[in-house]
Amino acid sequence: EVNAAMNKLQELGTDVVGIGTRLYRLHPKVFHSLDWAQVFPTIPVEITVEANFRRLGGTLQSPLSKEALERKR
């Protein structure tokens, strides 16, 4: 889903994730030598997702389950 979203952003030419801003901050001369509006839709983007799960199993029962609703009464 993240890749599909990024592909759509590139298709629309909308850099809402700030890749151009990051390039400008790290390499301003390179950024100024580019026509970012033309380059952005064509650059390959590699997405890496990292997740950190803490307190696994915190919800043992849905708050909407029959038993949970009966306990509230």
PDB file of N, CA and C in Angstrom:
ATOM      1  N   GLU A   1       0.813  -1.184   0.000  1.00  0.00           N
ATOM      2  CA  GLU A   1       0.000   0.000   0.000  1.00  0.00           C
ATOM      3  C   GLU A   1       0.864   1.259   0.000  1.00  0.00           C
ATOM      4  N   VAL A   2       1.965   1.206   0.724  1.00  0.00           N
ATOM      5  CA  VAL A   2       2.861   2.362   0.761  1.00  0.00           C
ATOM      6  C   VAL A   2       3.490   2.573  -0.612  1.00  0.00           C
ATOM      7  N   ASN A   3       3.919   1.496  -1.247  1.00  0.00           N
ATOM      8  CA  ASN A   3       4.482   1.609  -2.594  1.00  0.00           C
ATOM      9  C   ASN A   3       3.454   2.147  -3.581  1.00  0.00           C
ATOM     10  N   ALA A   4       2.224   1.663  -3.488  1.00  0.00           N
ATOM     11  CA  ALA A   4       1.168   2.137  -4.384  1.00  0.00           C
ATOM     12  C   ALA A   4       0.908   3.624  -4.175  1.00  0.00           C
ATOM     13  N   ALA A   5       0.915   4.056  -2.918  1.00  0.00           N
ATOM     14  CA  ALA A   5       0.708   5.472  -2.617  1.00  0.00           C
ATOM     15  C   ALA A   5       1.850   6.309  -3.186  1.00  0.00           C
ATOM     16  N   MET A   6       3.082   5.849  -3.028  1.00  0.00           N
ATOM     17  CA  MET A   6       4.233   6.584  -3.556  1.00  0.00           C
ATOM     18  C   MET A   6       4.185   6.656  -5.070  1.00  0.00           C
ATOM     19  N   ASN A   7       3.806   5.558  -5.706  1.00  0.00           N
ATOM     20  CA  ASN A   7       3.679   5.558  -7.164  1.00  0.00           C
ATOM     21  C   ASN A   7       2.632   6.574  -7.621  1.00  0.00           C
ATOM     22  N   LYS A   8       1.537   6.645  -6.893  1.00  0.00           N
ATOM     23  CA  LYS A   8       0.475   7.605  -7.240  1.00  0.00           C
ATOM     24  C   LYS A   8       0.965   9.035  -7.050  1.00  0.00           C
ATOM     25  N   LEU A   9       1.702   9.292  -5.962  1.00  0.00           N
ATOM     26  CA  LEU A   9       2.247  10.631  -5.738  1.00  0.00           C
ATOM     27  C   LEU A   9       3.187  11.032  -6.869  1.00  0.00           C
ATOM     28  N   GLN A  10       4.016  10.096  -7.305  1.00  0.00           N
ATOM     29  CA  GLN A  10       4.919  10.392  -8.415  1.00  0.00           C
ATOM     30  C   GLN A  10       4.147  10.606  -9.708  1.00  0.00           C
ATOM     31  N   GLU A  11       3.115   9.821  -9.908  1.00  0.00           N
ATOM     32  CA  GLU A  11       2.273   9.970 -11.095  1.00  0.00           C
ATOM     33  C   GLU A  11       1.641  11.362 -11.130  1.00  0.00           C
ATOM     34  N   LEU A  12       1.227  11.840  -9.956  1.00  0.00           N
ATOM     35  CA  LEU A  12       0.613  13.165  -9.862  1.00  0.00           C
ATOM     36  C   LEU A  12       1.650  14.288  -9.786  1.00  0.00           C
ATOM     37  N   GLY A  13       2.917  13.924  -9.576  1.00  0.00           N
ATOM     38  CA  GLY A  13       3.979  14.910  -9.462  1.00  0.00           C
ATOM     39  C   GLY A  13       3.920  15.702  -8.172  1.00  0.00           C
ATOM     40  N   THR A  14       3.452  15.063  -7.110  1.00  0.00           N
ATOM     41  CA  THR A  14       3.265  15.718  -5.824  1.00  0.00           C
ATOM     42  C   THR A  14       4.222  15.133  -4.794  1.00  0.00           C
ATOM     43  N   ASP A  15       5.184  15.935  -4.377  1.00  0.00           N
ATOM     44  CA  ASP A  15       6.182  15.475  -3.417  1.00  0.00           C
ATOM     45  C   ASP A  15       5.773  15.868  -2.002  1.00  0.00           C
ATOM     46  N   VAL A  16       4.703  15.292  -1.515  1.00  0.00           N
ATOM     47  CA  VAL A  16       4.218  15.626  -0.176  1.00  0.00           C
ATOM     48  C   VAL A  16       5.032  14.944   0.927  1.00  0.00           C
ATOM     49  N   VAL A  17       5.854  13.979   0.571  1.00  0.00           N
ATOM     50  CA  VAL A  17       6.669  13.300   1.576  1.00  0.00           C
ATOM     51  C   VAL A  17       7.994  14.020   1.815  1.00  0.00           C
ATOM     52  N   GLY A  18       8.324  15.001   1.010  1.00  0.00           N
ATOM     53  CA  GLY A  18       9.491  15.836   1.252  1.00  0.00           C
ATOM     54  C   GLY A  18      10.816  15.311   0.747  1.00  0.00           C
ATOM     55  N   ILE A  19      10.806  14.513  -0.301  1.00  0.00           N
ATOM     56  CA  ILE A  19      12.065  14.010  -0.850  1.00  0.00           C
ATOM     57  C   ILE A  19      12.884  15.175  -1.402  1.00  0.00           C
ATOM     58  N   GLY A  20      12.238  16.085  -2.103  1.00  0.00           N
ATOM     59  CA  GLY A  20      12.930  17.250  -2.644  1.00  0.00           C
ATOM     60  C   GLY A  20      13.499  18.136  -1.550  1.00  0.00           C
ATOM     61  N   THR A  21      12.773  18.314  -0.472  1.00  0.00           N
ATOM     62  CA  THR A  21      13.259  19.114   0.656  1.00  0.00           C
ATOM     63  C   THR A  21      14.493  18.485   1.269  1.00  0.00           C
ATOM     64  N   ARG A  22      14.460  17.177   1.409  1.00  0.00           N
ATOM     65  CA  ARG A  22      15.622  16.459   1.971  1.00  0.00           C
ATOM     66  C   ARG A  22      16.824  16.592   1.046  1.00  0.00           C
ATOM     67  N   LEU A  23      16.600  16.440  -0.266  1.00  0.00           N
ATOM     68  CA  LEU A  23      17.682  16.598  -1.234  1.00  0.00           C
ATOM     69  C   LEU A  23      18.245  18.016  -1.173  1.00  0.00           C
ATOM     70  N   TYR A  24      17.376  19.004  -1.081  1.00  0.00           N
ATOM     71  CA  TYR A  24      17.812  20.393  -0.998  1.00  0.00           C
ATOM     72  C   TYR A  24      18.669  20.644   0.241  1.00  0.00           C
ATOM     73  N   ARG A  25      18.263  20.083   1.368  1.00  0.00           N
ATOM     74  CA  ARG A  25      19.018  20.286   2.612  1.00  0.00           C
ATOM     75  C   ARG A  25      20.382  19.599   2.587  1.00  0.00           C
ATOM     76  N   LEU A  26      20.439  18.400   2.001  1.00  0.00           N
ATOM     77  CA  LEU A  26      21.687  17.645   1.986  1.00  0.00           C
ATOM     78  C   LEU A  26      22.612  18.054   0.842  1.00  0.00           C
ATOM     79  N   HIS A  27      22.020  18.371  -0.313  1.00  0.00           N
ATOM     80  CA  HIS A  27      22.810  18.673  -1.511  1.00  0.00           C
ATOM     81  C   HIS A  27      22.162  19.829  -2.285  1.00  0.00           C
ATOM     82  N   PRO A  28      22.221  21.048  -1.764  1.00  0.00           N
ATOM     83  CA  PRO A  28      21.532  22.172  -2.417  1.00  0.00           C
ATOM     84  C   PRO A  28      22.006  22.446  -3.841  1.00  0.00           C
ATOM     85  N   LYS A  29      23.299  22.273  -4.129  1.00  0.00           N
ATOM     86  CA  LYS A  29      23.792  22.522  -5.499  1.00  0.00           C
ATOM     87  C   LYS A  29      23.183  21.529  -6.485  1.00  0.00           C
ATOM     88  N   VAL A  30      23.110  20.272  -6.072  1.00  0.00           N
ATOM     89  CA  VAL A  30      22.497  19.249  -6.937  1.00  0.00           C
ATOM     90  C   VAL A  30      21.026  19.582  -7.155  1.00  0.00           C
ATOM     91  N   PHE A  31      20.327  19.938  -6.068  1.00  0.00           N
ATOM     92  CA  PHE A  31      18.901  20.257  -6.181  1.00  0.00           C
ATOM     93  C   PHE A  31      18.671  21.397  -7.163  1.00  0.00           C
ATOM     94  N   HIS A  32      19.487  22.449  -7.073  1.00  0.00           N
ATOM     95  CA  HIS A  32      19.313  23.610  -7.954  1.00  0.00           C
ATOM     96  C   HIS A  32      19.672  23.296  -9.401  1.00  0.00           C
ATOM     97  N   SER A  33      20.477  22.258  -9.622  1.00  0.00           N
ATOM     98  CA  SER A  33      20.835  21.897 -10.997  1.00  0.00           C
ATOM     99  C   SER A  33      19.737  21.067 -11.665  1.00  0.00           C
ATOM    100  N   LEU A  34      18.734  20.659 -10.900  1.00  0.00           N
ATOM    101  CA  LEU A  34      17.655  19.815 -11.420  1.00  0.00           C
ATOM    102  C   LEU A  34      16.369  20.604 -11.617  1.00  0.00           C
ATOM    103  N   ASP A  35      15.560  20.142 -12.527  1.00  0.00           N
ATOM    104  CA  ASP A  35      14.171  20.613 -12.606  1.00  0.00           C
ATOM    105  C   ASP A  35      13.365  19.579 -11.830  1.00  0.00           C
ATOM    106  N   TRP A  36      13.173  19.822 -10.515  1.00  0.00           N
ATOM    107  CA  TRP A  36      12.595  18.825  -9.617  1.00  0.00           C
ATOM    108  C   TRP A  36      11.228  18.344 -10.089  1.00  0.00           C
ATOM    109  N   ALA A  37      10.433  19.221 -10.656  1.00  0.00           N
ATOM    110  CA  ALA A  37       9.100  18.826 -11.129  1.00  0.00           C
ATOM    111  C   ALA A  37       9.196  17.775 -12.232  1.00  0.00           C
ATOM    112  N   GLN A  38      10.270  17.807 -13.012  1.00  0.00           N
ATOM    113  CA  GLN A  38      10.460  16.818 -14.073  1.00  0.00           C
ATOM    114  C   GLN A  38      11.149  15.555 -13.556  1.00  0.00           C
ATOM    115  N   VAL A  39      12.019  15.714 -12.578  1.00  0.00           N
ATOM    116  CA  VAL A  39      12.805  14.582 -12.074  1.00  0.00           C
ATOM    117  C   VAL A  39      12.001  13.717 -11.113  1.00  0.00           C
ATOM    118  N   PHE A  40      11.245  14.353 -10.222  1.00  0.00           N
ATOM    119  CA  PHE A  40      10.536  13.607  -9.172  1.00  0.00           C
ATOM    120  C   PHE A  40       9.697  12.440  -9.694  1.00  0.00           C
ATOM    121  N   PRO A  41       8.893  12.609 -10.733  1.00  0.00           N
ATOM    122  CA  PRO A  41       8.072  11.463 -11.181  1.00  0.00           C
ATOM    123  C   PRO A  41       8.877  10.293 -11.734  1.00  0.00           C
ATOM    124  N   THR A  42      10.155  10.513 -12.040  1.00  0.00           N
ATOM    125  CA  THR A  42      10.933   9.451 -12.693  1.00  0.00           C
ATOM    126  C   THR A  42      11.943   8.766 -11.776  1.00  0.00           C
ATOM    127  N   ILE A  43      12.192   9.291 -10.575  1.00  0.00           N
ATOM    128  CA  ILE A  43      13.219   8.688  -9.730  1.00  0.00           C
ATOM    129  C   ILE A  43      12.714   7.399  -9.086  1.00  0.00           C
ATOM    130  N   PRO A  44      13.587   6.415  -8.971  1.00  0.00           N
ATOM    131  CA  PRO A  44      13.182   5.202  -8.253  1.00  0.00           C
ATOM    132  C   PRO A  44      13.199   5.479  -6.750  1.00  0.00           C
ATOM    133  N   VAL A  45      12.159   5.040  -6.058  1.00  0.00           N
ATOM    134  CA  VAL A  45      12.054   5.256  -4.621  1.00  0.00           C
ATOM    135  C   VAL A  45      11.985   3.889  -3.944  1.00  0.00           C
ATOM    136  N   GLU A  46      12.889   3.674  -3.009  1.00  0.00           N
ATOM    137  CA  GLU A  46      12.890   2.430  -2.243  1.00  0.00           C
ATOM    138  C   GLU A  46      12.332   2.737  -0.860  1.00  0.00           C
ATOM    139  N   ILE A  47      11.329   1.994  -0.462  1.00  0.00           N
ATOM    140  CA  ILE A  47      10.666   2.228   0.819  1.00  0.00           C
ATOM    141  C   ILE A  47      11.002   1.086   1.765  1.00  0.00           C
ATOM    142  N   THR A  48      11.490   1.453   2.944  1.00  0.00           N
ATOM    143  CA  THR A  48      11.787   0.484   3.989  1.00  0.00           C
ATOM    144  C   THR A  48      10.931   0.828   5.198  1.00  0.00           C
ATOM    145  N   VAL A  49      10.196  -0.130   5.677  1.00  0.00           N
ATOM    146  CA  VAL A  49       9.316   0.091   6.824  1.00  0.00           C
ATOM    147  C   VAL A  49       9.894  -0.628   8.029  1.00  0.00           C
ATOM    148  N   GLU A  50      10.006   0.092   9.124  1.00  0.00           N
ATOM    149  CA  GLU A  50      10.435  -0.503  10.382  1.00  0.00           C
ATOM    150  C   GLU A  50       9.314  -0.302  11.386  1.00  0.00           C
ATOM    151  N   ALA A  51       9.032  -1.339  12.149  1.00  0.00           N
ATOM    152  CA  ALA A  51       7.968  -1.259  13.148  1.00  0.00           C
ATOM    153  C   ALA A  51       8.481  -1.791  14.473  1.00  0.00           C
ATOM    154  N   ASN A  52       8.024  -1.165  15.535  1.00  0.00           N
ATOM    155  CA  ASN A  52       8.390  -1.595  16.879  1.00  0.00           C
ATOM    156  C   ASN A  52       7.086  -1.785  17.651  1.00  0.00           C
ATOM    157  N   PHE A  53       6.777  -3.027  17.963  1.00  0.00           N
ATOM    158  CA  PHE A  53       5.547  -3.334  18.683  1.00  0.00           C
ATOM    159  C   PHE A  53       5.856  -3.495  20.159  1.00  0.00           C
ATOM    160  N   ARG A  54       5.184  -2.725  20.969  1.00  0.00           N
ATOM    161  CA  ARG A  54       5.360  -2.829  22.412  1.00  0.00           C
ATOM    162  C   ARG A  54       4.038  -3.236  23.027  1.00  0.00           C
ATOM    163  N   ARG A  55       4.127  -3.971  24.080  1.00  0.00           N
ATOM    164  CA  ARG A  55       2.951  -4.419  24.819  1.00  0.00           C
ATOM    165  C   ARG A  55       2.001  -5.251  23.940  1.00  0.00           C
ATOM    166  N   LEU A  56       2.548  -6.257  23.339  1.00  0.00           N
ATOM    167  CA  LEU A  56       1.727  -7.141  22.523  1.00  0.00           C
ATOM    168  C   LEU A  56       0.680  -7.829  23.395  1.00  0.00           C
ATOM    169  N   GLY A  57      -0.493  -8.024  22.860  1.00  0.00           N
ATOM    170  CA  GLY A  57      -1.557  -8.711  23.582  1.00  0.00           C
ATOM    171  C   GLY A  57      -2.267  -7.834  24.577  1.00  0.00           C
ATOM    172  N   GLY A  58      -2.116  -6.534  24.468  1.00  0.00           N
ATOM    173  CA  GLY A  58      -2.747  -5.615  25.408  1.00  0.00           C
ATOM    174  C   GLY A  58      -4.265  -5.656  25.332  1.00  0.00           C
ATOM    175  N   THR A  59      -4.800  -5.951  24.179  1.00  0.00           N
ATOM    176  CA  THR A  59      -6.236  -6.061  24.021  1.00  0.00           C
ATOM    177  C   THR A  59      -6.561  -7.529  23.813  1.00  0.00           C
ATOM    178  N   LEU A  60      -6.967  -8.163  24.874  1.00  0.00           N
ATOM    179  CA  LEU A  60      -7.278  -9.584  24.782  1.00  0.00           C
ATOM    180  C   LEU A  60      -8.690  -9.812  24.293  1.00  0.00           C
ATOM    181  N   GLN A  61      -9.522  -8.810  24.474  1.00  0.00           N
ATOM    182  CA  GLN A  61     -10.916  -8.972  24.099  1.00  0.00           C
ATOM    183  C   GLN A  61     -11.417  -7.648  23.542  1.00  0.00           C
ATOM    184  N   SER A  62     -12.180  -7.721  22.497  1.00  0.00           N
ATOM    185  CA  SER A  62     -12.734  -6.518  21.893  1.00  0.00           C
ATOM    186  C   SER A  62     -13.674  -5.832  22.874  1.00  0.00           C
ATOM    187  N   PRO A  63     -13.614  -4.497  22.986  1.00  0.00           N
ATOM    188  CA  PRO A  63     -14.530  -3.786  23.872  1.00  0.00           C
ATOM    189  C   PRO A  63     -15.984  -3.903  23.419  1.00  0.00           C
ATOM    190  N   LEU A  64     -16.178  -4.364  22.197  1.00  0.00           N
ATOM    191  CA  LEU A  64     -17.536  -4.518  21.691  1.00  0.00           C
ATOM    192  C   LEU A  64     -18.034  -5.957  21.763  1.00  0.00           C
ATOM    193  N   SER A  65     -17.243  -6.847  22.344  1.00  0.00           N
ATOM    194  CA  SER A  65     -17.663  -8.243  22.444  1.00  0.00           C
ATOM    195  C   SER A  65     -18.859  -8.365  23.386  1.00  0.00           C
ATOM    196  N   LYS A  66     -19.567  -9.424  23.242  1.00  0.00           N
ATOM    197  CA  LYS A  66     -20.761  -9.664  24.055  1.00  0.00           C
ATOM    198  C   LYS A  66     -20.421  -9.672  25.550  1.00  0.00           C
ATOM    199  N   GLU A  67     -19.311 -10.330  25.898  1.00  0.00           N
ATOM    200  CA  GLU A  67     -18.921 -10.430  27.299  1.00  0.00           C
ATOM    201  C   GLU A  67     -18.559  -9.061  27.866  1.00  0.00           C
ATOM    202  N   ALA A  68     -17.848  -8.267  27.120  1.00  0.00           N
ATOM    203  CA  ALA A  68     -17.433  -6.936  27.581  1.00  0.00           C
ATOM    204  C   ALA A  68     -18.651  -6.035  27.787  1.00  0.00           C
ATOM    205  N   LEU A  69     -19.610  -6.127  26.888  1.00  0.00           N
ATOM    206  CA  LEU A  69     -20.808  -5.303  27.019  1.00  0.00           C
ATOM    207  C   LEU A  69     -21.639  -5.729  28.231  1.00  0.00           C
ATOM    208  N   GLU A  70     -21.673  -7.033  28.521  1.00  0.00           N
ATOM    209  CA  GLU A  70     -22.402  -7.532  29.673  1.00  0.00           C
ATOM    210  C   GLU A  70     -21.754  -7.083  30.979  1.00  0.00           C
ATOM    211  N   ARG A  71     -20.431  -6.989  30.999  1.00  0.00           N
ATOM    212  CA  ARG A  71     -19.731  -6.534  32.198  1.00  0.00           C
ATOM    213  C   ARG A  71     -20.012  -5.064  32.492  1.00  0.00           C
ATOM    214  N   LYS A  72     -20.272  -4.289  31.485  1.00  0.00           N
ATOM    215  CA  LYS A  72     -20.557  -2.858  31.690  1.00  0.00           C
ATOM    216  C   LYS A  72     -21.923  -2.618  32.308  1.00  0.00           C
ATOM    217  N   ARG A  73     -22.802  -3.583  32.195  1.00  0.00           N
ATOM    218  CA  ARG A  73     -24.172  -3.406  32.702  1.00  0.00           C
ATOM    219  C   ARG A  73     -24.257  -3.539  34.167  1.00  0.00           C
TER     220      ARG A  73
END
